[in-house]
């Protein structure tokens, strides 16, 4: 079911609602936030799975992406942090208003898992699951990927200057990006909230500090972006959210490699997806042969805080 969600600045976001089937017990709502330059449709099958198992699911495109592109990207003033402070926040506000007293949980992939902390309404969440969450700070990447990051950044700067946005589709990549988002990504700041100034920056940090929902941060061991250092940095921005970090071995899922995107593919419907469902349903992380053992597990006391 297609829906439209209004942000506080008047921008409309295109979303999709996946209701729980008639007659099934409804357990709550799950908002799913995308990775950078990825359309919400990529998570459709996972959203359908959650709905089949009792959770109304909501997906949406950030402003400047997919159904929320809003016409030509040339001249659109969009910053990366606004995807969290305006877009994710608007969807959370909508979901909380529709919750009927049931919990609202959150699943964030890549930037989505970091961006939730920038949203004021994240303080009302029940549980948070992040997959590959980070904000692509270059020093957190492995050496070969650091070089790749700066190579991409050197491409982004001139192309944004020429086109007024980053024309990813022309390069055979993913979705085109608004100029501000592309340049924020390319600049790769250590402290992402410094992209905002003054009162806006203070508000973002206050939103992060207000998040208290338990957080489970997951990433495959071969995720090029979500290294242990990157995941530690991401969860450190929400210091009052009890967090656990796990790295997942591809071999535990019968694969030689998983990378940054694989786990939302339907081939993991009978392995990874039920594990995420257990966390959303009752806060458990299921172990056993299907999960394997993480190479890294950090308890809340071990995670460095800002």
C-alpha atoms as a PDB file:
ATOM      1  CA  UNK A   1       0.000   0.000   0.000  1.00  0.00           C
ATOM      2  CA  UNK A   2       1.524   3.303  -1.078  1.00  0.00           C
ATOM      3  CA  UNK A   3       1.544   6.100   1.484  1.00  0.00           C
ATOM      4  CA  UNK A   4       2.756   9.694   1.609  1.00  0.00           C
ATOM      5  CA  UNK A   5       4.386  11.093   4.745  1.00  0.00           C
ATOM      6  CA  UNK A   6       4.833  14.812   5.353  1.00  0.00           C
ATOM      7  CA  UNK A   7       8.018  16.122   6.947  1.00  0.00           C
ATOM      8  CA  UNK A   8       8.034  19.149   9.241  1.00  0.00           C
ATOM      9  CA  UNK A   9       9.532  21.310   6.482  1.00  0.00           C
ATOM     10  CA  UNK A  10       6.696  20.445   4.092  1.00  0.00           C
ATOM     11  CA  UNK A  11       8.574  17.873   1.991  1.00  0.00           C
ATOM     12  CA  UNK A  12       6.540  14.767   1.116  1.00  0.00           C
ATOM     13  CA  UNK A  13       8.113  11.313   1.256  1.00  0.00           C
ATOM     14  CA  UNK A  14       6.934   8.322  -0.741  1.00  0.00           C
ATOM     15  CA  UNK A  15       6.484   5.256   1.418  1.00  0.00           C
ATOM     16  CA  UNK A  16       4.924   1.839   1.392  1.00  0.00           C
ATOM     17  CA  UNK A  17       2.911   0.200   4.145  1.00  0.00           C
ATOM     18  CA  UNK A  18       2.921  -3.577   4.595  1.00  0.00           C
ATOM     19  CA  UNK A  19      -0.021  -4.438   6.892  1.00  0.00           C
ATOM     20  CA  UNK A  20      -0.332  -7.590   8.936  1.00  0.00           C
ATOM     21  CA  UNK A  21      -2.703 -10.042   7.190  1.00  0.00           C
ATOM     22  CA  UNK A  22      -6.303 -10.124   8.370  1.00  0.00           C
ATOM     23  CA  UNK A  23      -6.799 -12.481  11.289  1.00  0.00           C
ATOM     24  CA  UNK A  24      -3.132 -12.531  12.294  1.00  0.00           C
ATOM     25  CA  UNK A  25      -1.939 -11.202  15.633  1.00  0.00           C
ATOM     26  CA  UNK A  26      -0.355  -7.777  15.299  1.00  0.00           C
ATOM     27  CA  UNK A  27       2.789  -7.371  17.412  1.00  0.00           C
ATOM     28  CA  UNK A  28       3.732  -3.802  16.523  1.00  0.00           C
ATOM     29  CA  UNK A  29       5.310  -1.752  13.754  1.00  0.00           C
ATOM     30  CA  UNK A  30       8.770  -1.816  12.196  1.00  0.00           C
ATOM     31  CA  UNK A  31      10.161   1.157  10.282  1.00  0.00           C
ATOM     32  CA  UNK A  32      12.859   0.156   7.782  1.00  0.00           C
ATOM     33  CA  UNK A  33      15.395   2.798   6.705  1.00  0.00           C
ATOM     34  CA  UNK A  34      17.551   2.340   3.616  1.00  0.00           C
ATOM     35  CA  UNK A  35      21.235   2.574   2.916  1.00  0.00           C
ATOM     36  CA  UNK A  36      22.549   5.608   1.041  1.00  0.00           C
ATOM     37  CA  UNK A  37      21.645   5.599  -2.681  1.00  0.00           C
ATOM     38  CA  UNK A  38      19.359   2.563  -2.276  1.00  0.00           C
ATOM     39  CA  UNK A  39      15.656   2.688  -3.075  1.00  0.00           C
ATOM     40  CA  UNK A  40      13.211   1.450  -0.463  1.00  0.00           C
ATOM     41  CA  UNK A  41      11.956  -1.221  -2.853  1.00  0.00           C
ATOM     42  CA  UNK A  42      15.109  -3.209  -2.140  1.00  0.00           C
ATOM     43  CA  UNK A  43      13.676  -4.051   1.298  1.00  0.00           C
ATOM     44  CA  UNK A  44      10.220  -5.010   0.051  1.00  0.00           C
ATOM     45  CA  UNK A  45      10.570  -8.764   0.546  1.00  0.00           C
ATOM     46  CA  UNK A  46      11.958  -8.315   4.045  1.00  0.00           C
ATOM     47  CA  UNK A  47       9.075  -5.962   4.882  1.00  0.00           C
ATOM     48  CA  UNK A  48       6.590  -8.553   3.588  1.00  0.00           C
ATOM     49  CA  UNK A  49       8.248 -11.161   5.789  1.00  0.00           C
ATOM     50  CA  UNK A  50       7.865  -8.972   8.870  1.00  0.00           C
ATOM     51  CA  UNK A  51       4.195  -8.353   8.042  1.00  0.00           C
ATOM     52  CA  UNK A  52       3.572 -12.079   7.658  1.00  0.00           C
ATOM     53  CA  UNK A  53       4.998 -12.501  11.137  1.00  0.00           C
ATOM     54  CA  UNK A  54       2.904  -9.895  12.892  1.00  0.00           C
ATOM     55  CA  UNK A  55       4.716  -6.593  12.364  1.00  0.00           C
ATOM     56  CA  UNK A  56       3.232  -3.845  10.252  1.00  0.00           C
ATOM     57  CA  UNK A  57       6.228  -2.690   8.186  1.00  0.00           C
ATOM     58  CA  UNK A  58       6.946   0.709   6.682  1.00  0.00           C
ATOM     59  CA  UNK A  59       9.541   1.493   4.014  1.00  0.00           C
ATOM     60  CA  UNK A  60      10.234   4.893   2.460  1.00  0.00           C
ATOM     61  CA  UNK A  61      12.565   6.765   0.149  1.00  0.00           C
ATOM     62  CA  UNK A  62      14.653   9.631   1.491  1.00  0.00           C
ATOM     63  CA  UNK A  63      14.194  13.031  -0.134  1.00  0.00           C
ATOM     64  CA  UNK A  64      16.024  13.077  -3.462  1.00  0.00           C
ATOM     65  CA  UNK A  65      15.803   9.280  -3.868  1.00  0.00           C
ATOM     66  CA  UNK A  66      13.362   7.093  -5.804  1.00  0.00           C
ATOM     67  CA  UNK A  67       9.741   8.019  -5.217  1.00  0.00           C
ATOM     68  CA  UNK A  68      10.823  10.975  -3.065  1.00  0.00           C
ATOM     69  CA  UNK A  69      13.188  12.383  -5.691  1.00  0.00           C
ATOM     70  CA  UNK A  70      11.076  15.514  -6.101  1.00  0.00           C
ATOM     71  CA  UNK A  71      11.921  16.312  -9.708  1.00  0.00           C
ATOM     72  CA  UNK A  72      15.335  17.472 -10.858  1.00  0.00           C
ATOM     73  CA  UNK A  73      18.071  17.124  -8.236  1.00  0.00           C
ATOM     74  CA  UNK A  74      19.894  20.143  -9.605  1.00  0.00           C
ATOM     75  CA  UNK A  75      19.603  22.875  -7.006  1.00  0.00           C
ATOM     76  CA  UNK A  76      18.006  20.718  -4.326  1.00  0.00           C
ATOM     77  CA  UNK A  77      19.512  21.624  -0.961  1.00  0.00           C
ATOM     78  CA  UNK A  78      19.645  18.357   0.967  1.00  0.00           C
ATOM     79  CA  UNK A  79      22.190  17.409   3.615  1.00  0.00           C
ATOM     80  CA  UNK A  80      22.932  13.867   4.694  1.00  0.00           C
ATOM     81  CA  UNK A  81      21.961  14.516   8.324  1.00  0.00           C
ATOM     82  CA  UNK A  82      18.541  15.754   7.152  1.00  0.00           C
ATOM     83  CA  UNK A  83      17.728  12.233   6.021  1.00  0.00           C
ATOM     84  CA  UNK A  84      17.794  11.415   9.734  1.00  0.00           C
ATOM     85  CA  UNK A  85      16.587  14.596  11.412  1.00  0.00           C
ATOM     86  CA  UNK A  86      13.757  15.264   8.933  1.00  0.00           C
ATOM     87  CA  UNK A  87      12.973  12.118   6.918  1.00  0.00           C
ATOM     88  CA  UNK A  88      13.480   9.259   9.384  1.00  0.00           C
ATOM     89  CA  UNK A  89      11.949  11.461  12.056  1.00  0.00           C
ATOM     90  CA  UNK A  90       8.807  12.088   9.990  1.00  0.00           C
ATOM     91  CA  UNK A  91       8.314   8.374   9.340  1.00  0.00           C
ATOM     92  CA  UNK A  92       8.831   7.531  13.018  1.00  0.00           C
ATOM     93  CA  UNK A  93       6.330  10.220  14.021  1.00  0.00           C
ATOM     94  CA  UNK A  94       3.810   8.784  11.537  1.00  0.00           C
ATOM     95  CA  UNK A  95       4.371   5.217  12.762  1.00  0.00           C
ATOM     96  CA  UNK A  96       4.083   6.178  16.429  1.00  0.00           C
ATOM     97  CA  UNK A  97       0.821   7.997  15.721  1.00  0.00           C
ATOM     98  CA  UNK A  98      -0.578   4.855  14.040  1.00  0.00           C
ATOM     99  CA  UNK A  99       0.756   2.374  16.620  1.00  0.00           C
ATOM    100  CA  UNK A 100      -2.476   1.821  18.639  1.00  0.00           C
ATOM    101  CA  UNK A 101      -0.469   1.321  21.804  1.00  0.00           C
ATOM    102  CA  UNK A 102       1.819  -1.347  20.306  1.00  0.00           C
ATOM    103  CA  UNK A 103       5.603  -0.894  20.139  1.00  0.00           C
ATOM    104  CA  UNK A 104       7.374   0.700  17.198  1.00  0.00           C
ATOM    105  CA  UNK A 105      10.759  -0.818  16.350  1.00  0.00           C
ATOM    106  CA  UNK A 106      13.374   0.183  13.807  1.00  0.00           C
ATOM    107  CA  UNK A 107      15.598  -1.614  11.294  1.00  0.00           C
ATOM    108  CA  UNK A 108      18.303   0.501   9.699  1.00  0.00           C
ATOM    109  CA  UNK A 109      20.688  -0.540   6.955  1.00  0.00           C
ATOM    110  CA  UNK A 110      24.027   1.283   6.585  1.00  0.00           C
ATOM    111  CA  UNK A 111      23.314   5.032   6.933  1.00  0.00           C
ATOM    112  CA  UNK A 112      19.778   4.202   8.055  1.00  0.00           C
ATOM    113  CA  UNK A 113      21.142   2.491  11.145  1.00  0.00           C
ATOM    114  CA  UNK A 114      23.190   5.540  12.037  1.00  0.00           C
ATOM    115  CA  UNK A 115      20.614   8.122  10.937  1.00  0.00           C
ATOM    116  CA  UNK A 116      17.933   6.968  13.381  1.00  0.00           C
ATOM    117  CA  UNK A 117      19.830   8.623  16.218  1.00  0.00           C
ATOM    118  CA  UNK A 118      19.410  11.998  14.515  1.00  0.00           C
ATOM    119  CA  UNK A 119      15.613  11.750  14.716  1.00  0.00           C
ATOM    120  CA  UNK A 120      13.791  13.354  17.644  1.00  0.00           C
ATOM    121  CA  UNK A 121      11.100  10.647  17.644  1.00  0.00           C
ATOM    122  CA  UNK A 122      13.676   7.861  18.010  1.00  0.00           C
ATOM    123  CA  UNK A 123      13.249   8.379  21.753  1.00  0.00           C
ATOM    124  CA  UNK A 124       9.907   6.572  21.411  1.00  0.00           C
ATOM    125  CA  UNK A 125      11.285   3.381  19.853  1.00  0.00           C
ATOM    126  CA  UNK A 126      11.064  -0.047  21.455  1.00  0.00           C
ATOM    127  CA  UNK A 127      14.051  -1.813  19.881  1.00  0.00           C
ATOM    128  CA  UNK A 128      16.605  -0.959  17.189  1.00  0.00           C
ATOM    129  CA  UNK A 129      18.327  -3.358  14.808  1.00  0.00           C
ATOM    130  CA  UNK A 130      21.128  -2.059  12.604  1.00  0.00           C
ATOM    131  CA  UNK A 131      22.796  -3.936   9.759  1.00  0.00           C
ATOM    132  CA  UNK A 132      26.119  -2.611   8.478  1.00  0.00           C
ATOM    133  CA  UNK A 133      25.456   0.734  10.209  1.00  0.00           C
ATOM    134  CA  UNK A 134      28.078   3.490  10.038  1.00  0.00           C
ATOM    135  CA  UNK A 135      28.628   6.873   8.401  1.00  0.00           C
ATOM    136  CA  UNK A 136      31.610   5.924   6.223  1.00  0.00           C
ATOM    137  CA  UNK A 137      34.370   7.704   8.112  1.00  0.00           C
ATOM    138  CA  UNK A 138      37.399   6.847   5.992  1.00  0.00           C
ATOM    139  CA  UNK A 139      39.764   5.893   8.842  1.00  0.00           C
ATOM    140  CA  UNK A 140      37.327   3.182   9.950  1.00  0.00           C
ATOM    141  CA  UNK A 141      37.665   1.412   6.598  1.00  0.00           C
ATOM    142  CA  UNK A 142      40.238  -1.231   5.795  1.00  0.00           C
ATOM    143  CA  UNK A 143      43.218   0.154   3.877  1.00  0.00           C
ATOM    144  CA  UNK A 144      42.173  -1.033   0.419  1.00  0.00           C
ATOM    145  CA  UNK A 145      38.720   0.436   0.953  1.00  0.00           C
ATOM    146  CA  UNK A 146      40.164   3.727   2.189  1.00  0.00           C
ATOM    147  CA  UNK A 147      41.799   4.079  -1.208  1.00  0.00           C
ATOM    148  CA  UNK A 148      38.509   3.227  -2.895  1.00  0.00           C
ATOM    149  CA  UNK A 149      36.681   5.823  -0.825  1.00  0.00           C
ATOM    150  CA  UNK A 150      39.037   8.626  -1.821  1.00  0.00           C
ATOM    151  CA  UNK A 151      38.935   7.525  -5.441  1.00  0.00           C
ATOM    152  CA  UNK A 152      35.138   7.812  -5.370  1.00  0.00           C
ATOM    153  CA  UNK A 153      35.363  11.160  -3.561  1.00  0.00           C
ATOM    154  CA  UNK A 154      37.703  12.535  -6.241  1.00  0.00           C
ATOM    155  CA  UNK A 155      35.062  11.550  -8.783  1.00  0.00           C
ATOM    156  CA  UNK A 156      32.172  13.033  -6.792  1.00  0.00           C
ATOM    157  CA  UNK A 157      33.570  16.535  -6.296  1.00  0.00           C
ATOM    158  CA  UNK A 158      33.933  17.531  -9.977  1.00  0.00           C
ATOM    159  CA  UNK A 159      30.782  15.714 -11.130  1.00  0.00           C
ATOM    160  CA  UNK A 160      28.667  17.427  -8.486  1.00  0.00           C
ATOM    161  CA  UNK A 161      30.128  20.730  -9.682  1.00  0.00           C
ATOM    162  CA  UNK A 162      29.206  19.974 -13.285  1.00  0.00           C
ATOM    163  CA  UNK A 163      25.748  18.438 -12.852  1.00  0.00           C
ATOM    164  CA  UNK A 164      24.578  19.990  -9.585  1.00  0.00           C
ATOM    165  CA  UNK A 165      24.113  16.484  -8.133  1.00  0.00           C
ATOM    166  CA  UNK A 166      25.973  13.162  -8.251  1.00  0.00           C
ATOM    167  CA  UNK A 167      24.836  11.312 -11.413  1.00  0.00           C
ATOM    168  CA  UNK A 168      25.368   7.771 -10.113  1.00  0.00           C
ATOM    169  CA  UNK A 169      23.035   6.177 -12.657  1.00  0.00           C
ATOM    170  CA  UNK A 170      25.105   7.508 -15.559  1.00  0.00           C
ATOM    171  CA  UNK A 171      28.066   5.649 -14.064  1.00  0.00           C
ATOM    172  CA  UNK A 172      26.144   2.400 -13.719  1.00  0.00           C
ATOM    173  CA  UNK A 173      26.007   2.743  -9.934  1.00  0.00           C
ATOM    174  CA  UNK A 174      22.975   3.034  -7.678  1.00  0.00           C
ATOM    175  CA  UNK A 175      20.634   6.020  -7.235  1.00  0.00           C
ATOM    176  CA  UNK A 176      21.600   9.597  -8.071  1.00  0.00           C
ATOM    177  CA  UNK A 177      22.358  11.689  -4.987  1.00  0.00           C
ATOM    178  CA  UNK A 178      21.560  15.300  -4.102  1.00  0.00           C
ATOM    179  CA  UNK A 179      24.714  17.421  -4.082  1.00  0.00           C
ATOM    180  CA  UNK A 180      24.793  17.989  -0.332  1.00  0.00           C
ATOM    181  CA  UNK A 181      24.401  14.297   0.464  1.00  0.00           C
ATOM    182  CA  UNK A 182      27.105  13.298  -2.018  1.00  0.00           C
ATOM    183  CA  UNK A 183      29.575  15.873  -0.704  1.00  0.00           C
ATOM    184  CA  UNK A 184      28.886  14.972   2.932  1.00  0.00           C
ATOM    185  CA  UNK A 185      29.632  11.340   2.035  1.00  0.00           C
ATOM    186  CA  UNK A 186      32.763  12.283   0.099  1.00  0.00           C
ATOM    187  CA  UNK A 187      34.157  14.505   2.877  1.00  0.00           C
ATOM    188  CA  UNK A 188      33.923  11.602   5.332  1.00  0.00           C
ATOM    189  CA  UNK A 189      33.942  13.489   8.633  1.00  0.00           C
ATOM    190  CA  UNK A 190      34.987  11.799  11.855  1.00  0.00           C
ATOM    191  CA  UNK A 191      32.123  13.479  13.730  1.00  0.00           C
ATOM    192  CA  UNK A 192      29.204  13.507  11.340  1.00  0.00           C
ATOM    193  CA  UNK A 193      27.163  15.995  13.381  1.00  0.00           C
ATOM    194  CA  UNK A 194      29.728  18.722  12.598  1.00  0.00           C
ATOM    195  CA  UNK A 195      28.100  18.901   9.145  1.00  0.00           C
ATOM    196  CA  UNK A 196      25.411  20.933  10.916  1.00  0.00           C
ATOM    197  CA  UNK A 197      26.069  24.211  12.685  1.00  0.00           C
ATOM    198  CA  UNK A 198      25.018  25.906  15.903  1.00  0.00           C
ATOM    199  CA  UNK A 199      21.555  25.117  17.212  1.00  0.00           C
ATOM    200  CA  UNK A 200      20.986  22.398  14.589  1.00  0.00           C
ATOM    201  CA  UNK A 201      24.103  20.532  15.693  1.00  0.00           C
ATOM    202  CA  UNK A 202      23.069  20.842  19.338  1.00  0.00           C
ATOM    203  CA  UNK A 203      19.626  19.483  18.487  1.00  0.00           C
ATOM    204  CA  UNK A 204      21.096  16.495  16.659  1.00  0.00           C
ATOM    205  CA  UNK A 205      23.250  15.604  19.628  1.00  0.00           C
ATOM    206  CA  UNK A 206      20.287  15.999  21.960  1.00  0.00           C
ATOM    207  CA  UNK A 207      18.296  13.592  19.776  1.00  0.00           C
ATOM    208  CA  UNK A 208      21.123  11.055  19.941  1.00  0.00           C
ATOM    209  CA  UNK A 209      21.338  11.373  23.701  1.00  0.00           C
ATOM    210  CA  UNK A 210      17.576  10.812  24.064  1.00  0.00           C
ATOM    211  CA  UNK A 211      17.619   7.358  22.422  1.00  0.00           C
ATOM    212  CA  UNK A 212      17.214   4.669  25.080  1.00  0.00           C
ATOM    213  CA  UNK A 213      15.969   1.698  23.024  1.00  0.00           C
ATOM    214  CA  UNK A 214      18.115  -1.467  23.196  1.00  0.00           C
ATOM    215  CA  UNK A 215      20.237  -1.677  20.046  1.00  0.00           C
ATOM    216  CA  UNK A 216      21.607  -4.746  18.274  1.00  0.00           C
ATOM    217  CA  UNK A 217      24.304  -3.858  15.719  1.00  0.00           C
ATOM    218  CA  UNK A 218      25.160  -6.544  13.157  1.00  0.00           C
ATOM    219  CA  UNK A 219      27.466  -6.761  10.156  1.00  0.00           C
ATOM    220  CA  UNK A 220      29.187  -9.535   8.201  1.00  0.00           C
ATOM    221  CA  UNK A 221      32.895  -9.985   8.809  1.00  0.00           C
ATOM    222  CA  UNK A 222      33.536  -9.047   5.160  1.00  0.00           C
ATOM    223  CA  UNK A 223      31.441  -5.860   5.153  1.00  0.00           C
ATOM    224  CA  UNK A 224      33.759  -3.266   3.574  1.00  0.00           C
ATOM    225  CA  UNK A 225      32.085  -0.357   5.361  1.00  0.00           C
ATOM    226  CA  UNK A 226      30.911  -1.709   8.722  1.00  0.00           C
ATOM    227  CA  UNK A 227      34.185  -2.678  10.311  1.00  0.00           C
ATOM    228  CA  UNK A 228      34.242  -3.154  14.075  1.00  0.00           C
ATOM    229  CA  UNK A 229      35.659   0.360  14.449  1.00  0.00           C
ATOM    230  CA  UNK A 230      32.870   1.785  12.295  1.00  0.00           C
ATOM    231  CA  UNK A 231      30.147  -0.012  14.261  1.00  0.00           C
ATOM    232  CA  UNK A 232      31.655   1.070  17.553  1.00  0.00           C
ATOM    233  CA  UNK A 233      31.681   4.657  16.354  1.00  0.00           C
ATOM    234  CA  UNK A 234      28.042   4.440  15.229  1.00  0.00           C
ATOM    235  CA  UNK A 235      26.654   3.084  18.508  1.00  0.00           C
ATOM    236  CA  UNK A 236      28.774   5.511  20.531  1.00  0.00           C
ATOM    237  CA  UNK A 237      26.631   8.367  19.222  1.00  0.00           C
ATOM    238  CA  UNK A 238      23.633   7.030  21.185  1.00  0.00           C
ATOM    239  CA  UNK A 239      25.269   6.729  24.617  1.00  0.00           C
ATOM    240  CA  UNK A 240      22.089   5.877  26.537  1.00  0.00           C
ATOM    241  CA  UNK A 241      21.016   3.043  24.268  1.00  0.00           C
ATOM    242  CA  UNK A 242      22.146  -0.374  25.630  1.00  0.00           C
ATOM    243  CA  UNK A 243      24.030  -1.827  22.661  1.00  0.00           C
ATOM    244  CA  UNK A 244      25.578  -5.092  21.546  1.00  0.00           C
ATOM    245  CA  UNK A 245      27.754  -5.541  18.464  1.00  0.00           C
ATOM    246  CA  UNK A 246      28.157  -8.774  16.530  1.00  0.00           C
ATOM    247  CA  UNK A 247      30.087  -9.692  13.418  1.00  0.00           C
ATOM    248  CA  UNK A 248      28.551 -12.482  11.354  1.00  0.00           C
ATOM    249  CA  UNK A 249      30.577 -15.149   9.552  1.00  0.00           C
ATOM    250  CA  UNK A 250      29.425 -15.757   5.959  1.00  0.00           C
ATOM    251  CA  UNK A 251      30.090 -19.476   6.414  1.00  0.00           C
ATOM    252  CA  UNK A 252      27.358 -19.618   9.066  1.00  0.00           C
ATOM    253  CA  UNK A 253      24.892 -18.760   6.278  1.00  0.00           C
ATOM    254  CA  UNK A 254      26.404 -21.146   3.754  1.00  0.00           C
ATOM    255  CA  UNK A 255      28.213 -18.415   1.836  1.00  0.00           C
ATOM    256  CA  UNK A 256      31.813 -17.525   1.074  1.00  0.00           C
ATOM    257  CA  UNK A 257      30.926 -13.838   1.209  1.00  0.00           C
ATOM    258  CA  UNK A 258      28.076 -11.593   2.379  1.00  0.00           C
ATOM    259  CA  UNK A 259      29.387  -8.066   2.006  1.00  0.00           C
ATOM    260  CA  UNK A 260      27.371  -4.937   2.707  1.00  0.00           C
ATOM    261  CA  UNK A 261      24.042  -5.729   0.988  1.00  0.00           C
ATOM    262  CA  UNK A 262      23.320  -9.458   0.905  1.00  0.00           C
ATOM    263  CA  UNK A 263      21.412 -10.031   4.137  1.00  0.00           C
ATOM    264  CA  UNK A 264      18.205  -8.337   2.937  1.00  0.00           C
ATOM    265  CA  UNK A 265      18.019 -10.683  -0.045  1.00  0.00           C
ATOM    266  CA  UNK A 266      15.257 -13.305   0.140  1.00  0.00           C
ATOM    267  CA  UNK A 267      17.778 -16.151   0.138  1.00  0.00           C
ATOM    268  CA  UNK A 268      18.225 -15.378   3.851  1.00  0.00           C
ATOM    269  CA  UNK A 269      14.518 -15.723   4.608  1.00  0.00           C
ATOM    270  CA  UNK A 270      15.099 -18.963   6.528  1.00  0.00           C
ATOM    271  CA  UNK A 271      18.333 -18.010   8.266  1.00  0.00           C
ATOM    272  CA  UNK A 272      19.119 -14.370   8.992  1.00  0.00           C
ATOM    273  CA  UNK A 273      15.576 -13.033   8.805  1.00  0.00           C
ATOM    274  CA  UNK A 274      14.215 -15.274  11.623  1.00  0.00           C
ATOM    275  CA  UNK A 275      17.122 -14.130  13.786  1.00  0.00           C
ATOM    276  CA  UNK A 276      16.118 -10.501  13.270  1.00  0.00           C
ATOM    277  CA  UNK A 277      12.489 -11.389  13.964  1.00  0.00           C
ATOM    278  CA  UNK A 278      13.469 -12.884  17.330  1.00  0.00           C
ATOM    279  CA  UNK A 279      15.182  -9.623  18.290  1.00  0.00           C
ATOM    280  CA  UNK A 280      12.235  -7.482  17.228  1.00  0.00           C
ATOM    281  CA  UNK A 281       9.731  -9.788  18.893  1.00  0.00           C
ATOM    282  CA  UNK A 282      11.328 -10.355  22.287  1.00  0.00           C
ATOM    283  CA  UNK A 283      14.837  -8.891  22.295  1.00  0.00           C
ATOM    284  CA  UNK A 284      16.679 -12.184  21.853  1.00  0.00           C
ATOM    285  CA  UNK A 285      19.545 -12.974  19.502  1.00  0.00           C
ATOM    286  CA  UNK A 286      19.290 -16.623  18.560  1.00  0.00           C
ATOM    287  CA  UNK A 287      22.421 -18.740  18.580  1.00  0.00           C
ATOM    288  CA  UNK A 288      23.084 -22.173  17.155  1.00  0.00           C
ATOM    289  CA  UNK A 289      24.439 -23.721  14.006  1.00  0.00           C
ATOM    290  CA  UNK A 290      22.351 -21.489  11.764  1.00  0.00           C
ATOM    291  CA  UNK A 291      23.889 -18.379  13.282  1.00  0.00           C
ATOM    292  CA  UNK A 292      27.451 -19.478  13.881  1.00  0.00           C
ATOM    293  CA  UNK A 293      29.585 -17.655  16.385  1.00  0.00           C
ATOM    294  CA  UNK A 294      30.626 -14.022  15.962  1.00  0.00           C
ATOM    295  CA  UNK A 295      34.302 -13.210  15.711  1.00  0.00           C
ATOM    296  CA  UNK A 296      33.574 -10.105  17.766  1.00  0.00           C
ATOM    297  CA  UNK A 297      31.006  -9.564  20.479  1.00  0.00           C
ATOM    298  CA  UNK A 298      31.128  -6.364  22.479  1.00  0.00           C
ATOM    299  CA  UNK A 299      28.885  -5.944  25.483  1.00  0.00           C
ATOM    300  CA  UNK A 300      27.551  -2.535  26.449  1.00  0.00           C
ATOM    301  CA  UNK A 301      30.377  -1.939  28.906  1.00  0.00           C
ATOM    302  CA  UNK A 302      32.980  -2.541  26.209  1.00  0.00           C
ATOM    303  CA  UNK A 303      31.671  -0.039  23.662  1.00  0.00           C
ATOM    304  CA  UNK A 304      33.472   3.317  23.704  1.00  0.00           C
ATOM    305  CA  UNK A 305      31.106   6.227  24.283  1.00  0.00           C
ATOM    306  CA  UNK A 306      31.429   9.802  23.074  1.00  0.00           C
END
